[in-house]
Protein backbone atom coordinates (compact mmCIF):
# COMPACT_ATOMS: atom_id res chain seq x y z
CA MET A 1 -36.45 3.82 -15.41
CA LYS A 2 -35.25 6.06 -18.11
CA LYS A 3 -36.62 9.11 -16.39
CA ILE A 4 -34.84 8.07 -13.15
CA LEU A 5 -31.56 7.71 -15.01
CA VAL A 6 -31.92 11.08 -16.67
CA ASN A 7 -32.75 12.81 -13.42
CA SER A 8 -29.80 11.09 -11.76
CA LEU A 9 -27.50 12.41 -14.48
CA ILE A 10 -28.88 15.86 -14.13
CA VAL A 11 -28.21 15.73 -10.35
CA VAL A 12 -24.70 14.54 -10.86
CA ALA A 13 -23.98 17.11 -13.53
CA SER A 14 -25.40 19.81 -11.31
CA MET A 15 -23.18 18.68 -8.41
CA LEU A 16 -20.12 18.64 -10.62
CA MET A 17 -20.92 22.06 -11.99
CA THR A 18 -21.42 23.46 -8.49
CA TYR A 19 -18.14 21.94 -7.35
CA LEU A 20 -16.35 23.36 -10.45
CA VAL A 21 -17.65 26.81 -9.63
CA LEU A 22 -16.63 26.48 -5.97
CA GLU A 23 -13.20 25.09 -7.05
CA VAL A 24 -12.60 28.12 -9.33
CA GLY A 25 -13.77 30.52 -6.62
CA TYR A 26 -11.50 28.85 -4.04
CA ARG A 27 -8.46 29.21 -6.27
CA VAL A 28 -9.23 32.85 -7.05
CA ILE A 29 -9.78 33.75 -3.39
CA THR A 30 -6.64 31.85 -2.28
CA TYR A 31 -4.50 33.61 -4.89
CA ILE A 32 -5.83 36.98 -3.91
CA HIS A 33 -5.33 36.27 -0.17
CA LEU A 34 -1.76 35.12 -0.64
CA SER A 35 -0.85 37.87 -2.99
CA ASN A 36 -2.12 40.56 -0.60
CA ASN A 37 -0.76 39.16 2.65
CA TYR A 38 2.99 39.48 2.27
CA GLU A 39 4.89 40.24 5.51
CA PRO A 40 8.68 40.40 5.94
CA TYR A 41 10.03 37.22 7.26
CA THR A 42 13.25 35.70 8.66
CA ILE A 43 15.86 34.72 6.11
CA TRP A 44 18.54 32.09 6.74
CA TRP A 45 21.37 32.36 4.25
CA THR A 46 24.69 30.85 3.54
CA ASP A 47 27.58 32.24 1.49
CA GLN A 48 28.17 28.86 -0.22
CA PRO A 49 26.02 25.77 -0.92
CA LEU A 50 25.71 23.73 2.29
CA HIS A 51 22.94 21.18 1.60
CA LEU A 52 23.83 18.76 -1.14
CA TYR A 53 21.32 16.32 -2.49
CA ASN A 54 21.78 12.64 -1.55
CA ALA A 55 19.08 10.15 -2.61
CA GLU A 56 19.64 7.70 0.24
CA ALA A 57 20.33 9.92 3.26
CA GLY A 58 18.29 12.92 2.04
CA TYR A 59 21.28 15.26 1.75
CA ARG A 60 24.77 15.74 3.05
CA TYR A 61 27.28 18.55 3.81
CA PRO A 62 30.13 19.34 1.40
CA ALA A 63 33.67 18.19 2.32
CA ASP A 64 36.29 20.65 3.57
CA ALA A 65 33.74 23.43 3.82
CA ASN A 66 33.85 26.68 5.82
CA VAL A 67 30.41 28.16 5.33
CA ARG A 68 28.99 31.26 7.00
CA TYR A 69 25.41 30.52 8.19
CA THR A 70 23.41 33.60 9.06
CA GLN A 71 19.97 34.40 10.39
CA THR A 72 18.71 37.78 9.25
CA GLU A 73 15.52 39.43 10.64
CA PRO A 74 13.65 42.38 9.09
CA PRO A 75 14.77 45.07 8.68
CA ASP A 76 17.83 43.25 7.50
CA VAL A 77 19.58 42.82 10.76
CA SER A 78 21.87 39.83 10.99
CA VAL A 79 21.01 38.64 14.48
CA TYR A 80 22.94 35.42 14.60
CA ALA A 81 25.69 33.73 12.52
CA THR A 82 27.93 30.75 12.83
CA ASN A 83 30.69 29.16 10.78
CA VAL A 84 29.91 25.57 9.70
CA ILE A 85 33.20 23.66 9.22
CA THR A 86 33.28 20.21 7.84
CA ASN A 87 36.08 17.68 7.52
CA ASN A 88 37.42 15.75 4.50
CA GLN A 89 34.38 13.54 4.54
CA GLY A 90 31.68 16.12 4.85
CA MET A 91 31.12 15.58 8.54
CA VAL A 92 30.64 18.67 10.74
CA GLY A 93 33.94 18.95 12.61
CA THR A 94 37.64 19.75 12.11
CA ARG A 95 39.23 16.34 12.46
CA ASP A 96 39.72 14.39 9.23
CA VAL A 97 39.03 10.67 9.05
CA THR A 98 39.61 7.88 6.63
CA THR A 99 36.91 5.50 5.43
CA GLU A 100 39.10 2.56 6.49
CA LYS A 101 39.42 2.28 10.23
CA PRO A 102 42.96 2.37 11.57
CA GLU A 103 44.02 -0.26 14.04
CA GLY A 104 43.55 0.77 17.60
CA ASP A 105 40.73 3.25 16.79
CA TYR A 106 37.35 3.04 18.49
CA ARG A 107 34.83 4.89 16.44
CA ILE A 108 31.61 6.56 17.68
CA ALA A 109 29.14 7.73 15.06
CA LEU A 110 26.67 10.52 15.97
CA ILE A 111 23.37 10.57 14.14
CA GLY A 112 20.64 13.13 14.73
CA ASP A 113 19.18 16.49 13.71
CA SER A 114 20.50 20.04 14.06
CA PHE A 115 21.13 19.57 17.83
CA THR A 116 23.60 16.83 16.94
CA ALA A 117 24.99 18.47 13.78
CA GLY A 118 25.79 21.59 15.72
CA VAL A 119 25.57 23.95 12.73
CA PHE A 120 23.92 26.70 14.82
CA ASN A 121 26.85 27.23 17.20
CA ASP A 122 30.54 27.60 16.57
CA ASN A 123 31.67 24.77 18.86
CA PRO A 124 29.40 21.74 18.32
CA TRP A 125 29.15 19.29 21.20
CA ALA A 126 30.62 16.60 18.96
CA GLY A 127 33.91 18.44 18.80
CA VAL A 128 33.88 19.18 22.63
CA LEU A 129 33.20 15.50 23.26
CA GLN A 130 36.15 14.60 21.00
CA SER A 131 38.43 16.79 23.09
CA LEU A 132 37.20 15.10 26.32
CA LEU A 133 37.75 11.64 24.94
CA ASP A 134 41.23 12.53 23.68
CA GLU A 135 42.19 13.20 27.31
CA ASP A 136 40.42 10.21 28.81
CA ASP A 137 43.19 7.61 29.19
CA ASP A 138 41.12 5.46 31.53
CA LEU A 139 38.36 5.00 28.96
CA LYS A 140 40.87 4.28 26.15
CA ALA A 141 42.58 1.69 28.43
CA ALA A 142 39.19 0.09 29.18
CA LEU A 143 38.45 -0.21 25.56
CA SER A 144 42.04 -1.32 24.76
CA VAL A 145 42.40 1.27 22.06
CA GLU A 146 44.86 4.07 21.24
CA GLN A 147 42.23 6.67 20.35
CA ILE A 148 38.50 7.23 20.28
CA THR A 149 37.11 9.04 17.21
CA VAL A 150 33.86 10.92 17.16
CA MET A 151 32.25 11.12 13.63
CA ASN A 152 29.42 13.58 13.35
CA PHE A 153 26.75 12.48 10.82
CA GLY A 154 24.12 14.87 12.23
CA LEU A 155 21.93 16.77 9.67
CA GLU A 156 19.70 19.67 10.53
CA ALA A 157 15.92 19.22 10.30
CA ILE A 158 15.89 15.44 9.83
CA GLY A 159 13.71 13.19 12.08
CA ALA A 160 13.95 9.70 13.60
CA GLU A 161 12.55 8.21 10.42
CA GLN A 162 15.74 9.18 8.67
CA PHE A 163 18.30 7.97 11.21
CA ASP A 164 18.67 4.42 9.79
CA ASP A 165 19.10 5.77 6.26
CA VAL A 166 21.91 8.05 7.35
CA TYR A 167 23.57 5.19 9.17
CA LEU A 168 23.27 2.68 6.26
CA SER A 169 24.21 5.14 3.48
CA ARG A 170 26.78 7.24 5.25
CA ALA A 171 28.04 5.97 8.63
CA GLU A 172 28.26 2.26 8.19
CA ALA A 173 31.15 2.52 5.69
CA TYR A 174 33.37 3.92 8.39
CA GLU A 175 32.82 0.85 10.63
CA PRO A 176 31.70 2.55 13.76
CA ASP A 177 31.92 0.54 16.99
CA MET A 178 29.05 2.56 18.57
CA VAL A 179 26.29 4.87 17.51
CA LEU A 180 24.81 7.68 19.54
CA ALA A 181 21.42 8.63 18.04
CA GLY A 182 20.27 11.85 19.57
CA PHE A 183 16.70 13.16 18.98
CA ILE A 184 14.38 15.84 20.24
CA SER A 185 10.65 15.24 20.81
CA ASP A 186 9.71 16.96 17.51
CA ASP A 187 11.91 14.43 15.57
CA LEU A 188 9.39 11.75 16.22
CA ARG A 189 6.79 13.56 14.08
CA ARG A 190 9.03 14.51 11.13
CA ARG A 191 8.77 13.13 7.65
CA PHE A 192 11.85 12.01 5.63
CA LEU A 193 13.27 14.97 3.75
CA TRP A 194 15.60 15.64 0.91
CA GLU A 195 17.48 18.85 0.31
CA GLY A 196 19.37 20.27 -2.63
CA VAL A 197 20.41 23.38 -4.46
CA ALA A 198 18.05 25.07 -6.95
CA GLN A 199 17.72 28.25 -8.88
CA VAL A 200 14.68 30.49 -8.97
CA GLU A 201 14.10 32.94 -11.87
CA TRP A 202 11.97 35.96 -11.08
CA GLY A 203 11.71 39.53 -12.26
CA GLY A 204 14.75 39.06 -14.56
CA ARG A 205 16.98 37.86 -11.79
CA SER A 206 18.24 34.49 -10.59
CA TYR A 207 18.34 33.38 -7.02
CA ASP A 208 20.21 30.35 -5.66
CA LEU A 209 18.71 28.56 -2.70
CA HIS A 210 18.34 25.22 -0.99
CA LEU A 211 15.13 23.49 -1.41
CA THR A 212 13.65 21.28 1.31
CA CYS A 213 11.44 18.55 -0.11
CA TYR A 214 9.33 15.91 1.64
CA LYS A 215 8.94 13.81 -1.44
CA GLU A 216 11.27 13.53 -4.39
CA PRO A 217 12.24 14.96 -6.77
CA VAL A 218 14.10 18.03 -5.46
CA SER A 219 12.56 20.45 -7.90
CA ILE A 220 10.90 23.91 -7.98
CA ASP A 221 7.96 22.24 -9.64
CA ASN A 222 7.37 19.68 -6.83
CA PRO A 223 4.55 20.86 -4.50
CA TRP A 224 6.19 18.91 -1.71
CA CYS A 225 9.23 21.19 -1.84
CA VAL A 226 9.53 24.47 0.02
CA TYR A 227 12.02 27.31 -0.29
CA GLY A 228 14.86 26.88 2.20
CA VAL A 229 18.16 28.57 2.94
CA LEU A 230 19.29 31.22 0.50
CA ILE A 231 22.79 31.20 -1.04
CA LEU A 232 24.21 34.76 -1.04
CA PRO A 233 27.64 36.29 -1.30
CA GLN A 234 28.62 38.10 1.94
CA TYR A 235 28.67 41.54 0.25
CA VAL A 236 24.95 41.31 -0.68
CA VAL A 237 23.87 41.70 2.89
CA ALA A 238 25.68 44.97 3.17
CA GLU A 239 23.62 46.46 0.35
CA GLY A 240 20.87 48.09 2.48
CA ASN A 241 17.46 46.94 1.45
CA THR A 242 18.67 44.08 -0.87
CA LEU A 243 17.38 41.38 1.36
CA GLU A 244 13.92 42.89 1.65
CA GLN A 245 13.69 42.93 -2.17
CA LEU A 246 14.82 39.28 -2.16
CA ARG A 247 12.18 38.41 0.37
CA GLN A 248 9.42 40.00 -1.82
CA ASP A 249 10.68 38.40 -4.98
CA LEU A 250 10.91 34.91 -3.48
CA TYR A 251 7.42 35.28 -1.88
CA ALA A 252 5.98 36.27 -5.29
CA SER A 253 7.89 33.43 -6.98
CA ASP A 254 6.62 30.94 -4.43
CA ILE A 255 3.02 31.85 -5.16
CA ALA A 256 3.51 31.91 -8.91
CA ARG A 257 5.12 28.41 -9.03
CA ARG A 258 2.07 26.79 -7.44
CA PRO A 259 -0.21 24.80 -9.81
CA TRP A 260 -3.11 27.22 -10.09
CA PHE A 261 -4.41 25.65 -13.28
CA GLY A 262 -5.10 21.94 -13.54
CA LEU A 263 -7.54 19.17 -12.78
CA TYR A 264 -6.35 18.50 -9.27
CA PRO A 265 -9.12 18.85 -6.67
CA GLU A 266 -7.60 21.60 -4.54
CA LEU A 267 -10.71 22.55 -2.68
CA PHE A 268 -11.41 18.89 -1.78
CA ALA A 269 -7.87 18.42 -0.62
CA ALA A 270 -7.96 21.46 1.54
CA THR A 271 -11.38 20.49 3.02
CA ILE A 272 -10.52 16.97 4.06
CA GLY A 273 -7.33 18.10 5.70
CA TRP A 274 -4.52 16.06 4.19
CA ARG A 275 -6.33 12.70 4.34
CA PHE A 276 -6.20 9.96 1.68
CA GLY A 277 -2.88 11.27 0.42
CA LEU A 278 -4.34 14.45 -1.00
CA VAL A 279 -2.10 17.40 -0.39
CA PRO A 280 -3.31 21.02 -0.73
CA ARG A 281 -0.79 22.42 -3.21
CA LEU A 282 -1.89 26.03 -3.22
CA SER A 283 -2.15 27.12 0.41
CA ARG A 284 -0.25 25.12 3.07
CA THR A 285 2.24 25.69 5.83
CA THR A 286 5.71 24.17 6.03
CA ASP A 287 4.66 22.31 9.17
CA GLN A 288 1.85 20.65 7.33
CA LEU A 289 4.40 19.25 4.92
CA ARG A 290 7.22 18.30 7.34
CA LEU A 291 5.16 16.72 10.12
CA TYR A 292 2.86 13.65 10.00
CA PRO A 293 -0.67 14.80 10.66
CA ASN A 294 -1.27 11.91 13.13
CA ASP A 295 1.04 11.44 16.10
CA THR A 296 0.16 7.71 16.42
CA ILE A 297 1.19 7.12 12.79
CA ALA A 298 4.28 9.19 13.26
CA MET A 299 5.37 7.36 16.36
CA GLU A 300 4.79 3.95 14.70
CA LYS A 301 6.92 5.05 11.74
CA SER A 302 9.69 6.33 13.99
CA ARG A 303 9.68 3.11 16.03
CA TYR A 304 9.87 1.01 12.93
CA GLU A 305 12.81 2.97 11.48
CA ILE A 306 14.66 3.09 14.81
CA GLY A 307 14.28 -0.72 14.87
CA TRP A 308 16.17 -0.88 11.62
CA LEU A 309 18.94 1.21 13.08
CA LEU A 310 19.17 -1.04 16.12
CA SER A 311 19.27 -4.12 13.97
CA SER A 312 22.00 -2.65 11.83
CA GLN A 313 24.12 -1.46 14.75
CA PRO A 314 23.07 -3.14 18.11
CA ASN A 315 25.60 -1.10 20.02
CA THR A 316 23.39 2.08 19.78
CA LEU A 317 22.43 4.37 22.53
CA LEU A 318 19.26 6.40 21.92
CA LEU A 319 19.52 9.81 23.53
CA HIS A 320 16.61 12.17 24.03
CA ILE A 321 17.92 15.77 23.89
CA PRO A 322 15.78 18.27 25.76
CA THR A 323 14.77 21.63 24.46
CA HIS A 324 15.00 24.72 26.74
CA MET A 325 11.22 24.64 27.28
CA GLU A 326 11.26 21.03 28.40
CA LEU A 327 14.02 21.83 30.96
CA LEU A 328 12.30 24.86 32.19
CA ASN A 329 8.81 23.28 32.38
CA GLY A 330 9.84 19.79 33.45
CA VAL A 331 7.48 18.28 30.88
CA TYR A 332 8.41 16.72 27.51
CA ASP A 333 6.86 18.03 24.35
CA THR A 334 4.39 15.96 22.38
CA PRO A 335 4.60 13.11 21.45
CA MET A 336 7.65 12.12 23.61
CA PRO A 337 5.62 11.11 26.77
CA ASP A 338 3.47 8.73 24.71
CA PHE A 339 6.54 7.35 22.83
CA LEU A 340 8.29 6.51 26.15
CA GLU A 341 5.14 4.78 27.45
CA ASP A 342 4.44 2.90 24.19
CA TYR A 343 8.00 1.72 23.54
CA PRO A 344 9.79 1.02 26.82
CA ASP A 345 11.85 -1.73 25.11
CA LEU A 346 13.87 1.06 23.33
CA ARG A 347 15.61 1.91 26.63
CA ILE A 348 15.91 5.61 25.69
CA VAL A 349 18.47 7.53 27.68
CA GLU A 350 16.69 10.72 28.98
CA THR A 351 19.49 13.27 29.13
CA ALA A 352 17.35 16.07 30.62
CA PRO A 353 17.99 15.00 34.26
CA LEU A 354 21.64 14.50 33.42
CA MET A 355 21.92 18.09 32.17
CA LEU A 356 20.25 19.48 35.25
CA GLY A 357 22.28 17.30 37.57
CA ASP A 358 22.09 17.88 41.30
CA ASP A 359 22.98 21.57 41.18
CA GLU A 360 19.44 22.78 40.38
CA PRO A 361 20.56 25.36 37.77
CA THR A 362 18.73 28.64 37.62
CA GLU A 363 16.46 29.65 34.78
CA GLU A 364 19.13 32.04 33.65
CA THR A 365 21.73 29.19 33.47
CA ILE A 366 19.35 26.96 31.46
CA ARG A 367 18.56 29.75 29.05
CA SER A 368 22.28 30.34 28.59
CA TRP A 369 22.59 26.79 27.22
CA TYR A 370 20.55 27.79 24.23
CA ASN A 371 20.75 30.46 21.51
CA LEU A 372 17.90 32.42 23.06
CA PRO A 373 16.13 34.55 22.01
CA PHE A 374 17.31 33.94 18.41
CA ASP A 375 16.69 30.15 18.17
CA GLY A 376 16.37 27.21 20.46
CA HIS A 377 19.54 25.30 19.56
CA PHE A 378 22.48 24.74 21.84
CA SER A 379 24.76 27.71 22.50
CA ASP A 380 28.45 27.06 22.93
CA ALA A 381 27.87 26.85 26.66
CA GLY A 382 25.05 24.36 26.08
CA ALA A 383 27.21 22.32 23.74
CA ALA A 384 29.95 22.17 26.33
CA ARG A 385 27.39 21.11 29.03
CA TYR A 386 25.93 18.40 26.81
CA ALA A 387 29.28 17.06 25.80
CA ALA A 388 30.23 16.70 29.44
CA VAL A 389 26.94 14.81 30.02
CA ILE A 390 27.59 12.46 27.14
CA HIS A 391 31.24 11.93 28.26
CA GLU A 392 30.06 10.90 31.74
CA LEU A 393 27.45 8.67 30.14
CA LEU A 394 30.09 6.93 28.12
CA ARG A 395 32.30 6.47 31.22
CA ASP A 396 29.35 4.93 33.10
CA HIS A 397 28.66 2.67 30.17
CA PHE A 398 32.22 1.40 29.80
CA LEU A 399 33.55 1.86 33.30
CA PRO A 400 30.79 0.54 35.58
């Protein structure tokens, strides 16, 4: 018996020693691979802080802001830029609102991701919809109100899991009479996220940037946080190769901040592929952090949180917003088809056929509705088209 015990201990010790050697080797190889594989990458930057930490909603936009939001591609060419304007309550839009609802005001709260927030085009569809409703006397008469106010609580990059938290912590206080919750197919797979401003020290310089975190706290030391949008004065971009140096510095800083030393089983976490709550902290992609690894689990989570939103505000319309590829291909991205089949009780409004209408728009027209080839968000033309669709949808809803 004693001999068996001794042999068992020897086997276990050998296995642990072998794993320790493999763990060290994995870390060394990973560090060398990352250090030697830098490539210039796209930088999104703002000239002022835009994503302010909020524990309940994840984050919010600053009040009374006018922030320049720029996409810059190597070799430091600003290919796309918009002005993000917020009102006195930090909602994307130009019309100020009060928390207390005036008499004769019908309030519509918009909740959703960047397609709803509209930070990637100069004229978000929320503002266009507001203009259409201002001129719709028939609709105001049907609702027996003097005005209809659109309040845009959209936040870029959030998913369906976050919608109810945005409503309860931000929108509910404004007493909305109706909620329009717009989502794209990818929103059904996204984790809850928090964003906030942080500072990175590297090479004797300080860099201000927004962190995107998929677990709290919002901290450089949190392995669930990734570097987000840079905060740079406008003049910095005019300094030739400055952005390329920033890219290299931030890339090096991102590698250096990872926990290379410690008792965490990095090799095991990387091998089992994010199961059992183990997260590879040394080498991972942003998508691995921001998306649930299992679509079934993601859809169940989204369905549960959407249920909370509907119970909090029963007068909610769920709007599926199509991407350009979905309109062009006529097929929804994963996991939207399964979500529609599994949860028909949600009565989701599919706005893709409404956008296409009966005119059979050409491929060129559809592409003009999006910021192609720079990114896939609505262009000003697409925002105007979508606002018209939602306006008609509201008229059909209230003026049968």
